Amino acid sequence: MNQLNRGMLVSALIWLSLSAPGLADDKSLNEFMIDQGCALGPSTMSAAIAAKIDPSTITKLIADALADSKTAKTGEWLVLSKDKCEIRPPRIHSEIAIDDPEVVHSTSVVDAFIKDGFPGCFLDASSLRHKLRMSRGWSADKATQEYLRFFSSGLITGDLAFFSPDPLQTPPGVMVLRGACASAGQIENVRKSHELLIGNFDALIRADAAGEATCESSGVPSWKFPEVSQRILGRKAPNAWMGYEITFIAMGAGWYEGQSATQKGRPRPPLCRYATD
């Protein structure tokens, strides 16, 4: 048995011996695995216990995944094959809502950046985090984590976007797509990009991770993501920053390890692979 197999099983068995059975059903387990990005690794068992998933179920998943030739094994992680688990946008809850006063007061007027080629409304993330700390008494880490969850959730629902058709033009901020802001120029391309992102979420992540997206270098999305996305979508992505939207969703979902107000953290599978494998 190689080091990966032994380490995964020993960790699972230790957790199994220390933990009481959970109460999860198959639906709960499926939702849990989607929230984990269809990946099993060092942090999975503790997350499962917190979600009231029976530890023995995770132990069996690990054993089955190790025995499955289609499982992607990288570092200390196992990524289940698509036929076992499709990578979908995870469930993300934030204590921030898009119509909260702190968000409204941190959003530009319509077309404030039109002279720079960016129609629509844009959110000032730094201003929002500051306002949240002042109004809610949050720490810097709390404000950062809740903002990431808010941003991630908004990208999934389509209420927010990080959009520019040009890879050389960085968006001036997070695009807000609610109320009067939803009728801004380029809205059709923004909506189409969102549809393509959600509809091809699994394929985009797996293809990038199988290529140049490495965990050690935090290379997510990889430098080849535009080429990867064009192959998956069958066309050039309307949003040149689609790969970064996936990254932001992943950060809010906890698929980055070691995040804080001052540290971006490091991506983990399914977003990437370990180059040392």
C-alpha atoms as a PDB file:
ATOM      1  CA  MET A   1       0.000   0.000   0.000  1.00  0.00           C
ATOM      2  CA  ASN A   2       1.541   3.344  -0.980  1.00  0.00           C
ATOM      3  CA  GLN A   3       1.935   6.319   1.368  1.00  0.00           C
ATOM      4  CA  LEU A   4      -1.204   8.095   0.099  1.00  0.00           C
ATOM      5  CA  ASN A   5      -3.405   5.027   0.569  1.00  0.00           C
ATOM      6  CA  ARG A   6      -2.013   4.249   4.016  1.00  0.00           C
ATOM      7  CA  GLY A   7      -2.278   7.840   5.252  1.00  0.00           C
ATOM      8  CA  MET A   8      -5.851   8.296   4.048  1.00  0.00           C
ATOM      9  CA  LEU A   9      -7.080   5.051   5.583  1.00  0.00           C
ATOM     10  CA  VAL A  10      -5.246   5.487   8.897  1.00  0.00           C
ATOM     11  CA  SER A  11      -6.644   9.007   9.307  1.00  0.00           C
ATOM     12  CA  ALA A  12     -10.139   7.797   8.490  1.00  0.00           C
ATOM     13  CA  LEU A  13      -9.931   4.917  10.957  1.00  0.00           C
ATOM     14  CA  ILE A  14      -8.674   7.186  13.751  1.00  0.00           C
ATOM     15  CA  TRP A  15     -11.588   9.544  13.197  1.00  0.00           C
ATOM     16  CA  LEU A  16     -13.953   6.588  13.055  1.00  0.00           C
ATOM     17  CA  SER A  17     -12.756   5.299  16.417  1.00  0.00           C
ATOM     18  CA  LEU A  18     -13.122   8.699  18.103  1.00  0.00           C
ATOM     19  CA  SER A  19     -16.418   9.885  16.630  1.00  0.00           C
ATOM     20  CA  ALA A  20     -20.041   9.004  17.267  1.00  0.00           C
ATOM     21  CA  PRO A  21     -22.203   7.992  14.300  1.00  0.00           C
ATOM     22  CA  GLY A  22     -23.891  10.830  12.413  1.00  0.00           C
ATOM     23  CA  LEU A  23     -27.404  11.074  11.061  1.00  0.00           C
ATOM     24  CA  ALA A  24     -26.831  11.824   7.387  1.00  0.00           C
ATOM     25  CA  ASP A  25     -28.898  10.295   4.600  1.00  0.00           C
ATOM     26  CA  ASP A  26     -27.776   9.805   0.989  1.00  0.00           C
ATOM     27  CA  LYS A  27     -29.002  13.276   0.014  1.00  0.00           C
ATOM     28  CA  SER A  28     -27.020  14.870   2.828  1.00  0.00           C
ATOM     29  CA  LEU A  29     -23.912  12.934   1.815  1.00  0.00           C
ATOM     30  CA  ASN A  30     -24.270  13.955  -1.833  1.00  0.00           C
ATOM     31  CA  GLU A  31     -24.709  17.602  -0.864  1.00  0.00           C
ATOM     32  CA  PHE A  32     -21.710  17.368   1.450  1.00  0.00           C
ATOM     33  CA  MET A  33     -19.501  15.954  -1.295  1.00  0.00           C
ATOM     34  CA  ILE A  34     -20.620  18.674  -3.727  1.00  0.00           C
ATOM     35  CA  ASP A  35     -19.736  21.269  -1.084  1.00  0.00           C
ATOM     36  CA  GLN A  36     -16.303  19.613  -0.812  1.00  0.00           C
ATOM     37  CA  GLY A  37     -15.748  19.743  -4.573  1.00  0.00           C
ATOM     38  CA  CYS A  38     -16.019  15.934  -4.890  1.00  0.00           C
ATOM     39  CA  ALA A  39     -12.640  15.728  -3.157  1.00  0.00           C
ATOM     40  CA  LEU A  40     -11.508  13.680  -0.148  1.00  0.00           C
ATOM     41  CA  GLY A  41      -8.460  14.807   1.787  1.00  0.00           C
ATOM     42  CA  PRO A  42      -6.950  15.694   5.175  1.00  0.00           C
ATOM     43  CA  SER A  43      -9.756  18.094   6.129  1.00  0.00           C
ATOM     44  CA  THR A  44     -12.679  15.974   4.911  1.00  0.00           C
ATOM     45  CA  MET A  45     -13.336  13.907   8.019  1.00  0.00           C
ATOM     46  CA  SER A  46     -13.511  16.884  10.391  1.00  0.00           C
ATOM     47  CA  ALA A  47     -15.826  18.664   7.940  1.00  0.00           C
ATOM     48  CA  ALA A  48     -17.992  15.534   7.754  1.00  0.00           C
ATOM     49  CA  ILE A  49     -18.270  15.290  11.544  1.00  0.00           C
ATOM     50  CA  ALA A  50     -19.340  18.950  11.684  1.00  0.00           C
ATOM     51  CA  ALA A  51     -21.971  18.223   9.017  1.00  0.00           C
ATOM     52  CA  LYS A  52     -23.249  15.190  10.995  1.00  0.00           C
ATOM     53  CA  ILE A  53     -22.104  12.737   8.340  1.00  0.00           C
ATOM     54  CA  ASP A  54     -21.463   9.222   9.655  1.00  0.00           C
ATOM     55  CA  PRO A  55     -17.649   8.802   9.746  1.00  0.00           C
ATOM     56  CA  SER A  56     -17.967   5.216   8.540  1.00  0.00           C
ATOM     57  CA  THR A  57     -19.565   6.535   5.349  1.00  0.00           C
ATOM     58  CA  ILE A  58     -16.510   8.685   4.656  1.00  0.00           C
ATOM     59  CA  THR A  59     -14.203   5.777   5.429  1.00  0.00           C
ATOM     60  CA  LYS A  60     -16.046   3.670   2.863  1.00  0.00           C
ATOM     61  CA  LEU A  61     -15.928   6.504   0.317  1.00  0.00           C
ATOM     62  CA  ILE A  62     -12.171   6.734   0.758  1.00  0.00           C
ATOM     63  CA  ALA A  63     -11.708   2.980   0.362  1.00  0.00           C
ATOM     64  CA  ASP A  64     -13.934   2.884  -2.719  1.00  0.00           C
ATOM     65  CA  ALA A  65     -12.158   5.888  -4.228  1.00  0.00           C
ATOM     66  CA  LEU A  66      -8.745   4.319  -3.692  1.00  0.00           C
ATOM     67  CA  ALA A  67      -9.932   1.169  -5.458  1.00  0.00           C
ATOM     68  CA  ASP A  68     -11.406   3.093  -8.404  1.00  0.00           C
ATOM     69  CA  SER A  69      -8.969   3.525 -11.301  1.00  0.00           C
ATOM     70  CA  LYS A  70     -10.861   6.644 -12.420  1.00  0.00           C
ATOM     71  CA  THR A  71     -10.187   8.477  -9.153  1.00  0.00           C
ATOM     72  CA  ALA A  72      -7.661  11.304  -9.509  1.00  0.00           C
ATOM     73  CA  LYS A  73      -5.042  10.781  -6.796  1.00  0.00           C
ATOM     74  CA  THR A  74      -2.848  13.808  -6.078  1.00  0.00           C
ATOM     75  CA  GLY A  75      -0.906  14.693  -2.947  1.00  0.00           C
ATOM     76  CA  GLU A  76      -3.032  13.621   0.017  1.00  0.00           C
ATOM     77  CA  TRP A  77      -6.228  14.125  -1.959  1.00  0.00           C
ATOM     78  CA  LEU A  78      -8.623  11.962  -3.936  1.00  0.00           C
ATOM     79  CA  VAL A  79     -10.962  13.532  -6.500  1.00  0.00           C
ATOM     80  CA  LEU A  80     -13.913  11.317  -7.366  1.00  0.00           C
ATOM     81  CA  SER A  81     -14.622  10.720 -11.047  1.00  0.00           C
ATOM     82  CA  LYS A  82     -17.532  12.584 -12.645  1.00  0.00           C
ATOM     83  CA  ASP A  83     -19.687   9.451 -12.806  1.00  0.00           C
ATOM     84  CA  LYS A  84     -19.363   9.195  -9.010  1.00  0.00           C
ATOM     85  CA  CYS A  85     -19.619  12.910  -8.198  1.00  0.00           C
ATOM     86  CA  GLU A  86     -20.168  15.879 -10.509  1.00  0.00           C
ATOM     87  CA  ILE A  87     -18.396  19.055  -9.390  1.00  0.00           C
ATOM     88  CA  ARG A  88     -21.113  21.669  -9.064  1.00  0.00           C
ATOM     89  CA  PRO A  89     -21.289  25.147  -7.546  1.00  0.00           C
ATOM     90  CA  PRO A  90     -21.415  24.479  -3.796  1.00  0.00           C
ATOM     91  CA  ARG A  91     -23.934  25.740  -1.255  1.00  0.00           C
ATOM     92  CA  ILE A  92     -22.507  28.906   0.288  1.00  0.00           C
ATOM     93  CA  HIS A  93     -24.158  30.927   3.035  1.00  0.00           C
ATOM     94  CA  SER A  94     -23.045  34.437   3.934  1.00  0.00           C
ATOM     95  CA  GLU A  95     -24.224  36.772   6.661  1.00  0.00           C
ATOM     96  CA  ILE A  96     -24.178  39.547   4.045  1.00  0.00           C
ATOM     97  CA  ALA A  97     -27.104  40.114   1.665  1.00  0.00           C
ATOM     98  CA  ILE A  98     -26.967  42.100  -1.555  1.00  0.00           C
ATOM     99  CA  ASP A  99     -29.571  44.594  -0.324  1.00  0.00           C
ATOM    100  CA  ASP A 100     -27.839  45.213   3.022  1.00  0.00           C
ATOM    101  CA  PRO A 101     -27.083  48.928   3.574  1.00  0.00           C
ATOM    102  CA  GLU A 102     -23.329  48.303   3.739  1.00  0.00           C
ATOM    103  CA  VAL A 103     -23.467  46.745   0.253  1.00  0.00           C
ATOM    104  CA  VAL A 104     -25.716  49.451  -1.178  1.00  0.00           C
ATOM    105  CA  HIS A 105     -23.473  52.224   0.165  1.00  0.00           C
ATOM    106  CA  SER A 106     -20.366  50.509  -1.253  1.00  0.00           C
ATOM    107  CA  THR A 107     -21.809  50.191  -4.778  1.00  0.00           C
ATOM    108  CA  SER A 108     -21.139  52.799  -7.446  1.00  0.00           C
ATOM    109  CA  VAL A 109     -23.843  54.634  -9.342  1.00  0.00           C
ATOM    110  CA  VAL A 110     -24.733  53.225 -12.763  1.00  0.00           C
ATOM    111  CA  ASP A 111     -21.990  53.775 -15.357  1.00  0.00           C
ATOM    112  CA  ALA A 112     -19.553  55.418 -12.931  1.00  0.00           C
ATOM    113  CA  PHE A 113     -16.728  53.728 -14.882  1.00  0.00           C
ATOM    114  CA  ILE A 114     -18.180  54.116 -18.365  1.00  0.00           C
ATOM    115  CA  LYS A 115     -15.253  56.306 -19.474  1.00  0.00           C
ATOM    116  CA  ASP A 116     -12.952  53.393 -18.713  1.00  0.00           C
ATOM    117  CA  GLY A 117     -15.086  51.107 -20.869  1.00  0.00           C
ATOM    118  CA  PHE A 118     -17.011  49.479 -18.026  1.00  0.00           C
ATOM    119  CA  PRO A 119     -20.762  50.129 -17.988  1.00  0.00           C
ATOM    120  CA  GLY A 120     -22.845  49.133 -14.986  1.00  0.00           C
ATOM    121  CA  CYS A 121     -22.455  49.274 -11.209  1.00  0.00           C
ATOM    122  CA  PHE A 122     -19.402  48.115  -9.286  1.00  0.00           C
ATOM    123  CA  LEU A 123     -18.863  47.156  -5.679  1.00  0.00           C
ATOM    124  CA  ASP A 124     -15.916  48.577  -3.730  1.00  0.00           C
ATOM    125  CA  ALA A 125     -14.816  45.505  -1.768  1.00  0.00           C
ATOM    126  CA  SER A 126     -12.422  47.383   0.512  1.00  0.00           C
ATOM    127  CA  SER A 127     -15.118  49.898   1.413  1.00  0.00           C
ATOM    128  CA  LEU A 128     -17.611  47.105   2.092  1.00  0.00           C
ATOM    129  CA  ARG A 129     -15.268  45.227   4.425  1.00  0.00           C
ATOM    130  CA  HIS A 130     -14.521  48.451   6.317  1.00  0.00           C
ATOM    131  CA  LYS A 131     -18.215  49.287   6.667  1.00  0.00           C
ATOM    132  CA  LEU A 132     -18.956  45.778   7.920  1.00  0.00           C
ATOM    133  CA  ARG A 133     -16.279  46.050  10.585  1.00  0.00           C
ATOM    134  CA  MET A 134     -17.620  49.412  11.716  1.00  0.00           C
ATOM    135  CA  SER A 135     -21.339  48.545  11.660  1.00  0.00           C
ATOM    136  CA  ARG A 136     -21.186  44.957  12.924  1.00  0.00           C
ATOM    137  CA  GLY A 137     -18.070  44.952  15.066  1.00  0.00           C
ATOM    138  CA  TRP A 138     -16.477  42.199  13.001  1.00  0.00           C
ATOM    139  CA  SER A 139     -12.781  41.403  13.051  1.00  0.00           C
ATOM    140  CA  ALA A 140     -10.771  41.777   9.848  1.00  0.00           C
ATOM    141  CA  ASP A 141     -10.795  37.990   9.377  1.00  0.00           C
ATOM    142  CA  LYS A 142     -14.554  37.755   9.921  1.00  0.00           C
ATOM    143  CA  ALA A 143     -15.253  40.588   7.458  1.00  0.00           C
ATOM    144  CA  THR A 144     -12.952  39.000   4.875  1.00  0.00           C
ATOM    145  CA  GLN A 145     -14.462  35.514   5.184  1.00  0.00           C
ATOM    146  CA  GLU A 146     -18.048  36.762   5.032  1.00  0.00           C
ATOM    147  CA  TYR A 147     -17.224  38.981   2.065  1.00  0.00           C
ATOM    148  CA  LEU A 148     -15.707  36.010   0.226  1.00  0.00           C
ATOM    149  CA  ARG A 149     -18.817  33.945   0.936  1.00  0.00           C
ATOM    150  CA  PHE A 150     -21.047  36.802  -0.209  1.00  0.00           C
ATOM    151  CA  PHE A 151     -19.018  37.268  -3.399  1.00  0.00           C
ATOM    152  CA  SER A 152     -18.938  33.522  -4.109  1.00  0.00           C
ATOM    153  CA  SER A 153     -22.653  33.100  -3.532  1.00  0.00           C
ATOM    154  CA  GLY A 154     -23.415  36.077  -5.774  1.00  0.00           C
ATOM    155  CA  LEU A 155     -21.291  34.649  -8.579  1.00  0.00           C
ATOM    156  CA  ILE A 156     -23.234  31.390  -8.348  1.00  0.00           C
ATOM    157  CA  THR A 157     -26.669  33.030  -8.352  1.00  0.00           C
ATOM    158  CA  GLY A 158     -25.740  35.565 -11.027  1.00  0.00           C
ATOM    159  CA  ASP A 159     -26.310  38.600  -8.788  1.00  0.00           C
ATOM    160  CA  LEU A 160     -22.604  39.459  -9.058  1.00  0.00           C
ATOM    161  CA  ALA A 161     -19.947  39.095 -11.745  1.00  0.00           C
ATOM    162  CA  PHE A 162     -16.260  39.750 -12.304  1.00  0.00           C
ATOM    163  CA  PHE A 163     -16.488  40.565 -15.971  1.00  0.00           C
ATOM    164  CA  SER A 164     -14.353  41.956 -18.751  1.00  0.00           C
ATOM    165  CA  PRO A 165     -14.125  40.693 -22.331  1.00  0.00           C
ATOM    166  CA  ASP A 166     -10.467  41.744 -22.429  1.00  0.00           C
ATOM    167  CA  PRO A 167      -7.808  39.857 -20.424  1.00  0.00           C
ATOM    168  CA  LEU A 168      -5.711  43.035 -20.374  1.00  0.00           C
ATOM    169  CA  GLN A 169      -8.501  45.111 -18.814  1.00  0.00           C
ATOM    170  CA  THR A 170      -9.075  44.277 -15.168  1.00  0.00           C
ATOM    171  CA  PRO A 171     -12.648  45.015 -14.039  1.00  0.00           C
ATOM    172  CA  PRO A 172     -12.822  48.043 -11.699  1.00  0.00           C
ATOM    173  CA  GLY A 173     -14.588  45.887  -9.134  1.00  0.00           C
ATOM    174  CA  VAL A 174     -17.304  43.338  -8.611  1.00  0.00           C
ATOM    175  CA  MET A 175     -20.198  43.970 -10.988  1.00  0.00           C
ATOM    176  CA  VAL A 176     -23.621  44.215  -9.305  1.00  0.00           C
ATOM    177  CA  LEU A 177     -26.492  42.845 -11.389  1.00  0.00           C
ATOM    178  CA  ARG A 178     -29.553  43.718  -9.335  1.00  0.00           C
ATOM    179  CA  GLY A 179     -32.136  46.494  -9.657  1.00  0.00           C
ATOM    180  CA  ALA A 180     -31.194  49.401 -11.917  1.00  0.00           C
ATOM    181  CA  CYS A 181     -27.712  47.902 -12.258  1.00  0.00           C
ATOM    182  CA  ALA A 182     -29.102  44.855 -14.082  1.00  0.00           C
ATOM    183  CA  SER A 183     -29.857  46.761 -17.292  1.00  0.00           C
ATOM    184  CA  ALA A 184     -26.333  48.014 -17.922  1.00  0.00           C
ATOM    185  CA  GLY A 185     -24.512  47.570 -21.215  1.00  0.00           C
ATOM    186  CA  GLN A 186     -22.955  44.145 -21.932  1.00  0.00           C
ATOM    187  CA  ILE A 187     -25.605  42.518 -19.759  1.00  0.00           C
ATOM    188  CA  GLU A 188     -26.387  39.885 -22.410  1.00  0.00           C
ATOM    189  CA  ASN A 189     -22.736  38.834 -22.549  1.00  0.00           C
ATOM    190  CA  VAL A 190     -22.527  38.837 -18.754  1.00  0.00           C
ATOM    191  CA  ARG A 191     -25.594  36.598 -18.480  1.00  0.00           C
ATOM    192  CA  LYS A 192     -24.321  34.273 -21.207  1.00  0.00           C
ATOM    193  CA  SER A 193     -20.974  33.981 -19.469  1.00  0.00           C
ATOM    194  CA  HIS A 194     -22.707  33.043 -16.220  1.00  0.00           C
ATOM    195  CA  GLU A 195     -24.762  30.395 -18.006  1.00  0.00           C
ATOM    196  CA  LEU A 196     -21.627  28.881 -19.545  1.00  0.00           C
ATOM    197  CA  LEU A 197     -19.771  28.953 -16.228  1.00  0.00           C
ATOM    198  CA  ILE A 198     -22.480  27.161 -14.268  1.00  0.00           C
ATOM    199  CA  GLY A 199     -23.280  24.697 -17.059  1.00  0.00           C
ATOM    200  CA  ASN A 200     -19.640  23.665 -17.530  1.00  0.00           C
ATOM    201  CA  PHE A 201     -18.391  23.977 -13.949  1.00  0.00           C
ATOM    202  CA  ASP A 202     -17.212  20.370 -13.635  1.00  0.00           C
ATOM    203  CA  ALA A 203     -15.515  20.190 -17.026  1.00  0.00           C
ATOM    204  CA  LEU A 204     -13.711  23.528 -16.621  1.00  0.00           C
ATOM    205  CA  ILE A 205     -12.277  22.622 -13.220  1.00  0.00           C
ATOM    206  CA  ARG A 206     -11.236  19.083 -14.132  1.00  0.00           C
ATOM    207  CA  ALA A 207      -9.634  20.117 -17.418  1.00  0.00           C
ATOM    208  CA  ASP A 208      -7.594  22.914 -15.828  1.00  0.00           C
ATOM    209  CA  ALA A 209      -6.478  20.685 -12.941  1.00  0.00           C
ATOM    210  CA  ALA A 210      -5.432  17.964 -15.383  1.00  0.00           C
ATOM    211  CA  GLY A 211      -3.251  20.489 -17.193  1.00  0.00           C
ATOM    212  CA  GLU A 212      -1.205  23.327 -15.733  1.00  0.00           C
ATOM    213  CA  ALA A 213      -3.144  24.211 -12.555  1.00  0.00           C
ATOM    214  CA  THR A 214      -0.743  23.224  -9.765  1.00  0.00           C
ATOM    215  CA  CYS A 215      -1.496  23.532  -6.057  1.00  0.00           C
ATOM    216  CA  GLU A 216       2.052  24.342  -4.921  1.00  0.00           C
ATOM    217  CA  SER A 217       2.335  27.465  -7.060  1.00  0.00           C
ATOM    218  CA  SER A 218      -1.257  28.587  -6.374  1.00  0.00           C
ATOM    219  CA  GLY A 219      -1.565  28.449 -10.146  1.00  0.00           C
ATOM    220  CA  VAL A 220      -5.369  28.624 -10.279  1.00  0.00           C
ATOM    221  CA  PRO A 221      -6.639  29.354 -12.823  1.00  0.00           C
ATOM    222  CA  SER A 222      -3.691  28.151 -14.860  1.00  0.00           C
ATOM    223  CA  TRP A 223      -2.074  30.293 -17.508  1.00  0.00           C
ATOM    224  CA  LYS A 224      -3.677  27.971 -20.051  1.00  0.00           C
ATOM    225  CA  PHE A 225      -7.230  28.487 -18.787  1.00  0.00           C
ATOM    226  CA  PRO A 226      -8.307  30.570 -21.826  1.00  0.00           C
ATOM    227  CA  GLU A 227      -7.251  27.685 -24.077  1.00  0.00           C
ATOM    228  CA  VAL A 228      -8.877  25.138 -21.761  1.00  0.00           C
ATOM    229  CA  SER A 229     -12.158  27.047 -21.593  1.00  0.00           C
ATOM    230  CA  GLN A 230     -12.321  27.517 -25.357  1.00  0.00           C
ATOM    231  CA  ARG A 231     -11.912  23.767 -25.820  1.00  0.00           C
ATOM    232  CA  ILE A 232     -14.619  22.997 -23.241  1.00  0.00           C
ATOM    233  CA  LEU A 233     -17.079  25.682 -24.334  1.00  0.00           C
ATOM    234  CA  GLY A 234     -16.490  25.304 -28.058  1.00  0.00           C
ATOM    235  CA  ARG A 235     -16.040  29.059 -28.285  1.00  0.00           C
ATOM    236  CA  LYS A 236     -14.094  31.913 -26.748  1.00  0.00           C
ATOM    237  CA  ALA A 237     -15.509  32.722 -23.313  1.00  0.00           C
ATOM    238  CA  PRO A 238     -17.448  36.026 -23.281  1.00  0.00           C
ATOM    239  CA  ASN A 239     -15.686  36.796 -19.998  1.00  0.00           C
ATOM    240  CA  ALA A 240     -11.895  36.762 -20.137  1.00  0.00           C
ATOM    241  CA  TRP A 241     -11.932  36.497 -16.329  1.00  0.00           C
ATOM    242  CA  MET A 242     -14.115  33.385 -16.071  1.00  0.00           C
ATOM    243  CA  GLY A 243     -11.274  31.391 -14.518  1.00  0.00           C
ATOM    244  CA  TYR A 244     -10.994  33.945 -11.742  1.00  0.00           C
ATOM    245  CA  GLU A 245     -14.719  33.687 -11.068  1.00  0.00           C
ATOM    246  CA  ILE A 246     -14.185  29.962 -10.450  1.00  0.00           C
ATOM    247  CA  THR A 247     -11.314  30.852  -8.114  1.00  0.00           C
ATOM    248  CA  PHE A 248     -13.463  33.297  -6.148  1.00  0.00           C
ATOM    249  CA  ILE A 249     -16.273  30.735  -5.852  1.00  0.00           C
ATOM    250  CA  ALA A 250     -13.733  28.199  -4.580  1.00  0.00           C
ATOM    251  CA  MET A 251     -12.340  30.618  -2.003  1.00  0.00           C
ATOM    252  CA  GLY A 252     -15.801  31.259  -0.585  1.00  0.00           C
ATOM    253  CA  ALA A 253     -16.503  27.526  -0.538  1.00  0.00           C
ATOM    254  CA  GLY A 254     -13.392  26.782   1.519  1.00  0.00           C
ATOM    255  CA  TRP A 255     -11.471  25.060  -1.264  1.00  0.00           C
ATOM    256  CA  TYR A 256      -8.500  27.220  -0.303  1.00  0.00           C
ATOM    257  CA  GLU A 257      -6.546  26.370   2.838  1.00  0.00           C
ATOM    258  CA  GLY A 258      -5.005  28.875   5.255  1.00  0.00           C
ATOM    259  CA  GLN A 259      -7.111  31.883   4.288  1.00  0.00           C
ATOM    260  CA  SER A 260      -7.195  34.992   6.474  1.00  0.00           C
ATOM    261  CA  ALA A 261      -7.549  38.765   6.154  1.00  0.00           C
ATOM    262  CA  THR A 262      -3.890  38.954   5.144  1.00  0.00           C
ATOM    263  CA  GLN A 263      -3.326  35.554   3.516  1.00  0.00           C
ATOM    264  CA  LYS A 264      -4.944  34.361   0.292  1.00  0.00           C
ATOM    265  CA  GLY A 265      -4.322  30.756   1.247  1.00  0.00           C
ATOM    266  CA  ARG A 266      -3.470  27.917  -1.096  1.00  0.00           C
ATOM    267  CA  PRO A 267      -5.812  26.046  -3.455  1.00  0.00           C
ATOM    268  CA  ARG A 268      -6.458  22.351  -3.006  1.00  0.00           C
ATOM    269  CA  PRO A 269      -8.003  19.693  -5.245  1.00  0.00           C
ATOM    270  CA  PRO A 270     -10.253  19.573  -7.231  1.00  0.00           C
ATOM    271  CA  LEU A 271      -8.945  22.956  -8.419  1.00  0.00           C
ATOM    272  CA  CYS A 272      -5.408  21.763  -8.976  1.00  0.00           C
ATOM    273  CA  ARG A 273      -2.967  18.886  -8.820  1.00  0.00           C
ATOM    274  CA  TYR A 274       0.324  18.525  -6.983  1.00  0.00           C
ATOM    275  CA  ALA A 275       3.235  18.781  -9.399  1.00  0.00           C
ATOM    276  CA  THR A 276       5.364  16.504  -7.199  1.00  0.00           C
ATOM    277  CA  ASP A 277       3.094  13.469  -7.808  1.00  0.00           C
END
